[in-house]
Amino acid sequence: IVNVKETGKILLVDYSDLQNLKVTTINAERFLHDGGFDSTGRYFLVAANARHKVAIVDTKEGTLVKVVESGGQVPHPGRGANIVHPKFGPVWVTSHLGDETVSLIGTDPKGHPEHAWKVVQTFEGQGGGSLFVKTHPKS
């Protein structure tokens, strides 16, 4: 997966045959920055931080699923974090540089379709913003 930041394009590069690379171009949202996979490894969520949005790509189908408002200012997930929320099911988490918002985006279109690809919850983190979120295996 290659983010072509300012253009808003995501390139999916299949390098299983190095002599015949296959590149799929997906139009997403400008100013792509960093991101990570959902817990299944199928969906890639990437912050378009200057636009306060998150683009979601289905890497199996090679398509853009949705672009969602992140719920805060300047999302900056690093790779993001995956947790299972007791109400919303599997979610992907991002913090924000521009404010203290932490956003949870639903990532289970089959088991929790009503929550998939939406910001299902936000809460305030510590301080005026943060670079990354992580999980702990015993939390």
N, C-alpha and C. Protein backbone atom coordinates (compact mmCIF):
# COMPACT_ATOMS: atom_id res chain seq x y z
N ILE A 1 0.86 -1.18 0.00
CA ILE A 1 0.00 0.00 0.00
C ILE A 1 0.90 1.23 0.00
N VAL A 2 0.65 2.12 -0.96
CA VAL A 2 1.43 3.34 -1.09
C VAL A 2 0.47 4.52 -1.03
N ASN A 3 0.68 5.43 -0.08
CA ASN A 3 -0.10 6.66 -0.02
C ASN A 3 0.64 7.73 -0.81
N VAL A 4 0.01 8.28 -1.82
CA VAL A 4 0.60 9.38 -2.57
C VAL A 4 -0.02 10.64 -1.98
N LYS A 5 0.59 11.11 -0.92
CA LYS A 5 0.02 12.04 0.05
C LYS A 5 -0.81 13.18 -0.55
N GLU A 6 -0.17 14.11 -1.23
CA GLU A 6 -0.88 15.31 -1.67
C GLU A 6 -1.94 15.02 -2.72
N THR A 7 -1.78 13.95 -3.48
CA THR A 7 -2.72 13.66 -4.56
C THR A 7 -4.01 13.02 -4.08
N GLY A 8 -3.97 12.41 -2.90
CA GLY A 8 -5.15 11.71 -2.40
C GLY A 8 -5.33 10.34 -3.01
N LYS A 9 -4.30 9.83 -3.63
CA LYS A 9 -4.38 8.51 -4.25
C LYS A 9 -3.68 7.46 -3.38
N ILE A 10 -4.26 6.28 -3.38
CA ILE A 10 -3.66 5.12 -2.71
C ILE A 10 -3.36 4.10 -3.79
N LEU A 11 -2.14 3.60 -3.80
CA LEU A 11 -1.75 2.57 -4.76
C LEU A 11 -1.66 1.23 -4.05
N LEU A 12 -2.37 0.25 -4.55
CA LEU A 12 -2.23 -1.12 -4.07
C LEU A 12 -1.31 -1.83 -5.05
N VAL A 13 -0.15 -2.25 -4.58
CA VAL A 13 0.86 -2.86 -5.45
C VAL A 13 0.94 -4.35 -5.15
N ASP A 14 0.60 -5.16 -6.14
CA ASP A 14 0.72 -6.61 -6.03
C ASP A 14 2.08 -6.99 -6.59
N TYR A 15 3.00 -7.36 -5.73
CA TYR A 15 4.36 -7.69 -6.15
C TYR A 15 4.62 -9.20 -6.09
N SER A 16 3.56 -10.00 -6.19
CA SER A 16 3.74 -11.45 -6.18
C SER A 16 4.51 -11.93 -7.42
N ASP A 17 4.45 -11.16 -8.51
CA ASP A 17 5.24 -11.43 -9.71
C ASP A 17 6.03 -10.16 -10.01
N LEU A 18 7.29 -10.14 -9.63
CA LEU A 18 8.10 -8.92 -9.75
C LEU A 18 8.30 -8.48 -11.20
N GLN A 19 8.16 -9.38 -12.14
CA GLN A 19 8.31 -9.02 -13.55
C GLN A 19 7.04 -8.37 -14.11
N ASN A 20 5.92 -8.58 -13.43
CA ASN A 20 4.64 -8.05 -13.89
C ASN A 20 3.86 -7.47 -12.72
N LEU A 21 4.35 -6.37 -12.20
CA LEU A 21 3.68 -5.73 -11.07
C LEU A 21 2.27 -5.30 -11.48
N LYS A 22 1.34 -5.47 -10.57
CA LYS A 22 -0.02 -5.00 -10.79
C LYS A 22 -0.26 -3.87 -9.80
N VAL A 23 -0.64 -2.70 -10.32
CA VAL A 23 -0.89 -1.54 -9.48
C VAL A 23 -2.34 -1.10 -9.66
N THR A 24 -3.06 -1.04 -8.54
CA THR A 24 -4.43 -0.55 -8.54
C THR A 24 -4.43 0.82 -7.90
N THR A 25 -4.97 1.82 -8.59
CA THR A 25 -5.03 3.18 -8.07
C THR A 25 -6.42 3.46 -7.53
N ILE A 26 -6.46 3.95 -6.29
CA ILE A 26 -7.73 4.27 -5.64
C ILE A 26 -7.73 5.75 -5.30
N ASN A 27 -8.74 6.47 -5.74
CA ASN A 27 -8.90 7.88 -5.36
C ASN A 27 -9.54 7.92 -3.99
N ALA A 28 -8.87 8.57 -3.04
CA ALA A 28 -9.36 8.59 -1.66
C ALA A 28 -9.63 10.02 -1.21
N GLU A 29 -8.70 10.62 -0.50
CA GLU A 29 -8.83 11.98 0.04
C GLU A 29 -7.44 12.58 0.06
N ARG A 30 -7.34 13.85 -0.22
CA ARG A 30 -6.03 14.50 -0.26
C ARG A 30 -5.37 14.54 1.12
N PHE A 31 -4.05 14.64 1.09
CA PHE A 31 -3.20 14.79 2.27
C PHE A 31 -3.19 13.53 3.15
N LEU A 32 -3.10 12.38 2.49
CA LEU A 32 -3.00 11.11 3.21
C LEU A 32 -1.71 11.09 4.02
N HIS A 33 -1.77 10.52 5.20
CA HIS A 33 -0.60 10.52 6.06
C HIS A 33 -0.24 9.10 6.47
N ASP A 34 -0.69 8.67 7.63
CA ASP A 34 -0.37 7.32 8.07
C ASP A 34 -1.64 6.59 8.46
N GLY A 35 -1.50 5.29 8.64
CA GLY A 35 -2.66 4.48 8.97
C GLY A 35 -2.28 3.04 9.22
N GLY A 36 -3.29 2.20 9.36
CA GLY A 36 -3.03 0.80 9.65
C GLY A 36 -4.24 -0.05 9.32
N PHE A 37 -4.08 -1.35 9.52
CA PHE A 37 -5.12 -2.31 9.20
C PHE A 37 -6.10 -2.50 10.36
N ASP A 38 -7.32 -2.91 10.00
CA ASP A 38 -8.28 -3.34 11.01
C ASP A 38 -7.81 -4.69 11.54
N SER A 39 -8.54 -5.24 12.49
CA SER A 39 -8.11 -6.48 13.15
C SER A 39 -8.10 -7.69 12.22
N THR A 40 -8.85 -7.64 11.11
CA THR A 40 -8.87 -8.77 10.17
C THR A 40 -7.74 -8.70 9.16
N GLY A 41 -7.13 -7.54 9.01
CA GLY A 41 -6.08 -7.36 8.01
C GLY A 41 -6.61 -7.11 6.62
N ARG A 42 -7.92 -7.02 6.49
CA ARG A 42 -8.52 -6.78 5.17
C ARG A 42 -8.63 -5.30 4.84
N TYR A 43 -9.01 -4.51 5.82
CA TYR A 43 -9.30 -3.10 5.60
C TYR A 43 -8.15 -2.24 6.10
N PHE A 44 -7.74 -1.27 5.27
CA PHE A 44 -6.68 -0.33 5.63
C PHE A 44 -7.34 1.02 5.87
N LEU A 45 -7.08 1.60 7.04
CA LEU A 45 -7.63 2.90 7.41
C LEU A 45 -6.48 3.89 7.46
N VAL A 46 -6.60 4.99 6.73
CA VAL A 46 -5.51 5.95 6.62
C VAL A 46 -6.03 7.36 6.85
N ALA A 47 -5.29 8.13 7.64
CA ALA A 47 -5.68 9.49 7.96
C ALA A 47 -5.35 10.44 6.82
N ALA A 48 -6.32 11.25 6.45
CA ALA A 48 -6.10 12.41 5.58
C ALA A 48 -6.09 13.58 6.54
N ASN A 49 -4.95 13.76 7.21
CA ASN A 49 -4.94 14.60 8.41
C ASN A 49 -5.25 16.07 8.16
N ALA A 50 -4.86 16.63 7.05
CA ALA A 50 -5.17 18.04 6.80
C ALA A 50 -6.65 18.26 6.49
N ARG A 51 -7.37 17.18 6.23
CA ARG A 51 -8.80 17.26 5.94
C ARG A 51 -9.65 16.74 7.09
N HIS A 52 -9.00 16.25 8.16
CA HIS A 52 -9.70 15.73 9.35
C HIS A 52 -10.58 14.53 9.01
N LYS A 53 -10.07 13.67 8.12
CA LYS A 53 -10.84 12.53 7.66
C LYS A 53 -10.01 11.25 7.72
N VAL A 54 -10.70 10.12 7.61
CA VAL A 54 -10.05 8.81 7.52
C VAL A 54 -10.64 8.10 6.31
N ALA A 55 -9.75 7.62 5.43
CA ALA A 55 -10.17 6.85 4.26
C ALA A 55 -10.05 5.37 4.59
N ILE A 56 -11.03 4.59 4.16
CA ILE A 56 -11.06 3.16 4.44
C ILE A 56 -11.01 2.41 3.11
N VAL A 57 -10.02 1.52 2.97
CA VAL A 57 -9.80 0.77 1.74
C VAL A 57 -10.00 -0.72 2.00
N ASP A 58 -10.75 -1.37 1.13
CA ASP A 58 -10.90 -2.82 1.15
C ASP A 58 -9.76 -3.37 0.29
N THR A 59 -8.73 -3.93 0.93
CA THR A 59 -7.56 -4.40 0.18
C THR A 59 -7.85 -5.69 -0.59
N LYS A 60 -8.86 -6.43 -0.20
CA LYS A 60 -9.23 -7.65 -0.93
C LYS A 60 -9.90 -7.30 -2.26
N GLU A 61 -10.82 -6.34 -2.21
CA GLU A 61 -11.54 -5.92 -3.42
C GLU A 61 -10.82 -4.83 -4.19
N GLY A 62 -9.87 -4.15 -3.54
CA GLY A 62 -9.14 -3.05 -4.19
C GLY A 62 -10.00 -1.83 -4.41
N THR A 63 -10.87 -1.53 -3.43
CA THR A 63 -11.80 -0.41 -3.57
C THR A 63 -11.80 0.48 -2.33
N LEU A 64 -12.24 1.71 -2.53
CA LEU A 64 -12.47 2.63 -1.42
C LEU A 64 -13.83 2.30 -0.82
N VAL A 65 -13.86 2.02 0.47
CA VAL A 65 -15.12 1.71 1.15
C VAL A 65 -15.84 2.99 1.51
N LYS A 66 -15.10 3.92 2.13
CA LYS A 66 -15.73 5.15 2.61
C LYS A 66 -14.65 6.11 3.07
N VAL A 67 -14.99 7.39 3.09
CA VAL A 67 -14.17 8.42 3.73
C VAL A 67 -15.04 9.01 4.83
N VAL A 68 -14.55 8.99 6.07
CA VAL A 68 -15.34 9.47 7.21
C VAL A 68 -14.65 10.65 7.88
N GLU A 69 -15.46 11.55 8.42
CA GLU A 69 -14.93 12.61 9.27
C GLU A 69 -14.35 11.94 10.51
N SER A 70 -13.18 12.37 10.94
CA SER A 70 -12.49 11.67 12.03
C SER A 70 -13.05 11.99 13.42
N GLY A 71 -13.79 13.07 13.54
CA GLY A 71 -14.33 13.42 14.85
C GLY A 71 -13.44 14.35 15.65
N GLY A 72 -12.30 14.72 15.10
CA GLY A 72 -11.36 15.62 15.78
C GLY A 72 -10.54 16.39 14.76
N GLN A 73 -9.53 17.10 15.24
CA GLN A 73 -8.68 17.92 14.38
C GLN A 73 -7.34 17.23 14.14
N VAL A 74 -7.01 17.00 12.89
CA VAL A 74 -5.74 16.42 12.44
C VAL A 74 -5.53 15.01 13.00
N PRO A 75 -6.26 14.02 12.49
CA PRO A 75 -6.07 12.65 12.97
C PRO A 75 -4.63 12.19 12.71
N HIS A 76 -4.06 11.51 13.68
CA HIS A 76 -2.68 11.03 13.56
C HIS A 76 -2.57 9.68 14.25
N PRO A 77 -2.96 8.60 13.55
CA PRO A 77 -3.06 7.30 14.20
C PRO A 77 -1.77 6.52 14.33
N GLY A 78 -0.70 6.90 13.62
CA GLY A 78 0.38 5.93 13.49
C GLY A 78 -0.24 4.76 12.76
N ARG A 79 -0.17 3.58 13.30
CA ARG A 79 -0.88 2.45 12.69
C ARG A 79 -2.29 2.29 13.24
N GLY A 80 -2.64 3.12 14.21
CA GLY A 80 -3.94 2.98 14.85
C GLY A 80 -3.90 1.83 15.84
N ALA A 81 -5.01 1.60 16.49
CA ALA A 81 -5.11 0.50 17.45
C ALA A 81 -6.43 -0.21 17.23
N ASN A 82 -6.44 -1.51 17.38
CA ASN A 82 -7.65 -2.32 17.24
C ASN A 82 -8.05 -2.86 18.59
N ILE A 83 -9.32 -2.62 18.94
CA ILE A 83 -9.87 -3.17 20.18
C ILE A 83 -11.27 -3.68 19.89
N VAL A 84 -11.81 -4.46 20.80
CA VAL A 84 -13.20 -4.89 20.71
C VAL A 84 -13.98 -4.13 21.77
N HIS A 85 -14.87 -3.27 21.31
CA HIS A 85 -15.70 -2.45 22.19
C HIS A 85 -16.90 -3.29 22.63
N PRO A 86 -17.30 -3.22 23.90
CA PRO A 86 -18.41 -4.05 24.37
C PRO A 86 -19.74 -3.77 23.67
N LYS A 87 -19.94 -2.57 23.18
CA LYS A 87 -21.19 -2.22 22.50
C LYS A 87 -21.06 -2.24 20.98
N PHE A 88 -19.96 -1.71 20.45
CA PHE A 88 -19.82 -1.49 19.01
C PHE A 88 -19.04 -2.59 18.29
N GLY A 89 -18.50 -3.55 19.03
CA GLY A 89 -17.71 -4.61 18.41
C GLY A 89 -16.32 -4.13 18.04
N PRO A 90 -15.69 -4.75 17.04
CA PRO A 90 -14.34 -4.34 16.65
C PRO A 90 -14.30 -2.89 16.17
N VAL A 91 -13.34 -2.15 16.69
CA VAL A 91 -13.15 -0.75 16.30
C VAL A 91 -11.67 -0.49 16.07
N TRP A 92 -11.40 0.53 15.29
CA TRP A 92 -10.04 1.03 15.04
C TRP A 92 -9.97 2.40 15.68
N VAL A 93 -8.88 2.68 16.37
CA VAL A 93 -8.78 3.89 17.20
C VAL A 93 -7.69 4.81 16.65
N THR A 94 -7.99 6.12 16.62
CA THR A 94 -6.99 7.12 16.27
C THR A 94 -7.04 8.27 17.26
N SER A 95 -5.87 8.83 17.52
CA SER A 95 -5.79 10.08 18.28
C SER A 95 -5.67 11.22 17.26
N HIS A 96 -5.56 12.45 17.76
CA HIS A 96 -5.48 13.63 16.90
C HIS A 96 -4.38 14.55 17.40
N LEU A 97 -3.67 15.19 16.46
CA LEU A 97 -2.64 16.16 16.82
C LEU A 97 -3.24 17.51 17.21
N GLY A 98 -4.34 17.88 16.56
CA GLY A 98 -4.89 19.22 16.73
C GLY A 98 -5.75 19.41 17.95
N ASP A 99 -6.16 18.34 18.60
CA ASP A 99 -6.93 18.44 19.84
C ASP A 99 -6.81 17.13 20.59
N GLU A 100 -7.48 17.03 21.72
CA GLU A 100 -7.33 15.86 22.59
C GLU A 100 -8.28 14.72 22.25
N THR A 101 -8.99 14.81 21.12
CA THR A 101 -9.98 13.80 20.75
C THR A 101 -9.34 12.46 20.41
N VAL A 102 -9.93 11.40 20.94
CA VAL A 102 -9.62 10.03 20.54
C VAL A 102 -10.91 9.48 19.92
N SER A 103 -10.80 8.97 18.69
CA SER A 103 -11.99 8.50 17.96
C SER A 103 -11.93 7.01 17.72
N LEU A 104 -13.10 6.37 17.83
CA LEU A 104 -13.26 4.94 17.57
C LEU A 104 -14.14 4.78 16.33
N ILE A 105 -13.63 4.05 15.34
CA ILE A 105 -14.35 3.81 14.09
C ILE A 105 -14.70 2.33 14.01
N GLY A 106 -15.99 2.02 13.83
CA GLY A 106 -16.43 0.64 13.72
C GLY A 106 -15.86 -0.03 12.48
N THR A 107 -15.41 -1.30 12.63
CA THR A 107 -14.74 -1.98 11.52
C THR A 107 -15.29 -3.38 11.22
N ASP A 108 -16.53 -3.64 11.59
CA ASP A 108 -17.08 -4.99 11.41
C ASP A 108 -18.36 -4.93 10.58
N PRO A 109 -18.23 -4.89 9.23
CA PRO A 109 -19.43 -4.75 8.40
C PRO A 109 -20.35 -5.97 8.43
N LYS A 110 -19.85 -7.12 8.82
CA LYS A 110 -20.70 -8.32 8.87
C LYS A 110 -21.36 -8.50 10.23
N GLY A 111 -20.60 -8.42 11.30
CA GLY A 111 -21.13 -8.66 12.64
C GLY A 111 -21.83 -7.46 13.27
N HIS A 112 -21.42 -6.25 12.88
CA HIS A 112 -22.00 -5.01 13.43
C HIS A 112 -22.18 -4.00 12.30
N PRO A 113 -23.01 -4.32 11.29
CA PRO A 113 -23.12 -3.44 10.12
C PRO A 113 -23.63 -2.04 10.45
N GLU A 114 -24.42 -1.92 11.49
CA GLU A 114 -24.96 -0.60 11.85
C GLU A 114 -23.88 0.34 12.38
N HIS A 115 -22.73 -0.20 12.77
CA HIS A 115 -21.64 0.62 13.30
C HIS A 115 -20.43 0.70 12.37
N ALA A 116 -20.46 -0.07 11.28
CA ALA A 116 -19.30 -0.15 10.40
C ALA A 116 -19.05 1.16 9.67
N TRP A 117 -17.79 1.55 9.67
CA TRP A 117 -17.28 2.70 8.93
C TRP A 117 -17.90 4.02 9.38
N LYS A 118 -18.14 4.09 10.68
CA LYS A 118 -18.63 5.32 11.31
C LYS A 118 -17.81 5.57 12.57
N VAL A 119 -17.68 6.85 12.93
CA VAL A 119 -17.12 7.15 14.25
C VAL A 119 -18.22 6.82 15.25
N VAL A 120 -17.99 5.79 16.05
CA VAL A 120 -19.03 5.32 16.98
C VAL A 120 -18.88 5.94 18.36
N GLN A 121 -17.68 6.45 18.66
CA GLN A 121 -17.47 7.07 19.97
C GLN A 121 -16.23 7.96 19.90
N THR A 122 -16.28 9.06 20.63
CA THR A 122 -15.10 9.89 20.84
C THR A 122 -14.99 10.16 22.33
N PHE A 123 -13.77 10.40 22.77
CA PHE A 123 -13.54 10.83 24.14
C PHE A 123 -12.28 11.68 24.17
N GLU A 124 -12.11 12.41 25.25
CA GLU A 124 -10.94 13.27 25.38
C GLU A 124 -9.78 12.51 26.00
N GLY A 125 -8.63 12.57 25.32
CA GLY A 125 -7.41 12.00 25.86
C GLY A 125 -6.72 13.01 26.76
N GLN A 126 -5.52 12.72 27.13
CA GLN A 126 -4.76 13.61 28.01
C GLN A 126 -3.98 14.62 27.17
N GLY A 127 -3.98 15.86 27.61
CA GLY A 127 -3.20 16.88 26.93
C GLY A 127 -3.91 17.45 25.73
N GLY A 128 -3.17 18.18 24.92
CA GLY A 128 -3.74 18.89 23.79
C GLY A 128 -3.62 18.16 22.47
N GLY A 129 -3.37 16.90 22.49
CA GLY A 129 -3.23 16.11 21.27
C GLY A 129 -2.14 15.08 21.44
N SER A 130 -2.13 14.08 20.57
CA SER A 130 -1.09 13.06 20.68
C SER A 130 -0.77 12.49 19.30
N LEU A 131 0.39 11.85 19.21
CA LEU A 131 0.85 11.31 17.94
C LEU A 131 0.26 9.94 17.62
N PHE A 132 0.23 9.03 18.58
CA PHE A 132 -0.16 7.66 18.29
C PHE A 132 -0.99 7.09 19.42
N VAL A 133 -1.70 6.01 19.12
CA VAL A 133 -2.38 5.23 20.15
C VAL A 133 -1.89 3.80 20.05
N LYS A 134 -1.85 3.13 21.16
CA LYS A 134 -1.44 1.73 21.22
C LYS A 134 -2.35 1.01 22.20
N THR A 135 -2.34 -0.32 22.11
CA THR A 135 -3.07 -1.13 23.08
C THR A 135 -2.06 -1.95 23.86
N HIS A 136 -2.53 -2.49 24.96
CA HIS A 136 -1.69 -3.37 25.78
C HIS A 136 -2.39 -4.72 25.85
N PRO A 137 -1.66 -5.82 25.67
CA PRO A 137 -2.31 -7.13 25.62
C PRO A 137 -3.04 -7.52 26.90
N LYS A 138 -2.74 -6.89 28.02
CA LYS A 138 -3.40 -7.25 29.28
C LYS A 138 -4.41 -6.19 29.72
N SER A 139 -4.79 -5.31 28.81
CA SER A 139 -5.74 -4.27 29.21
C SER A 139 -7.15 -4.61 28.76
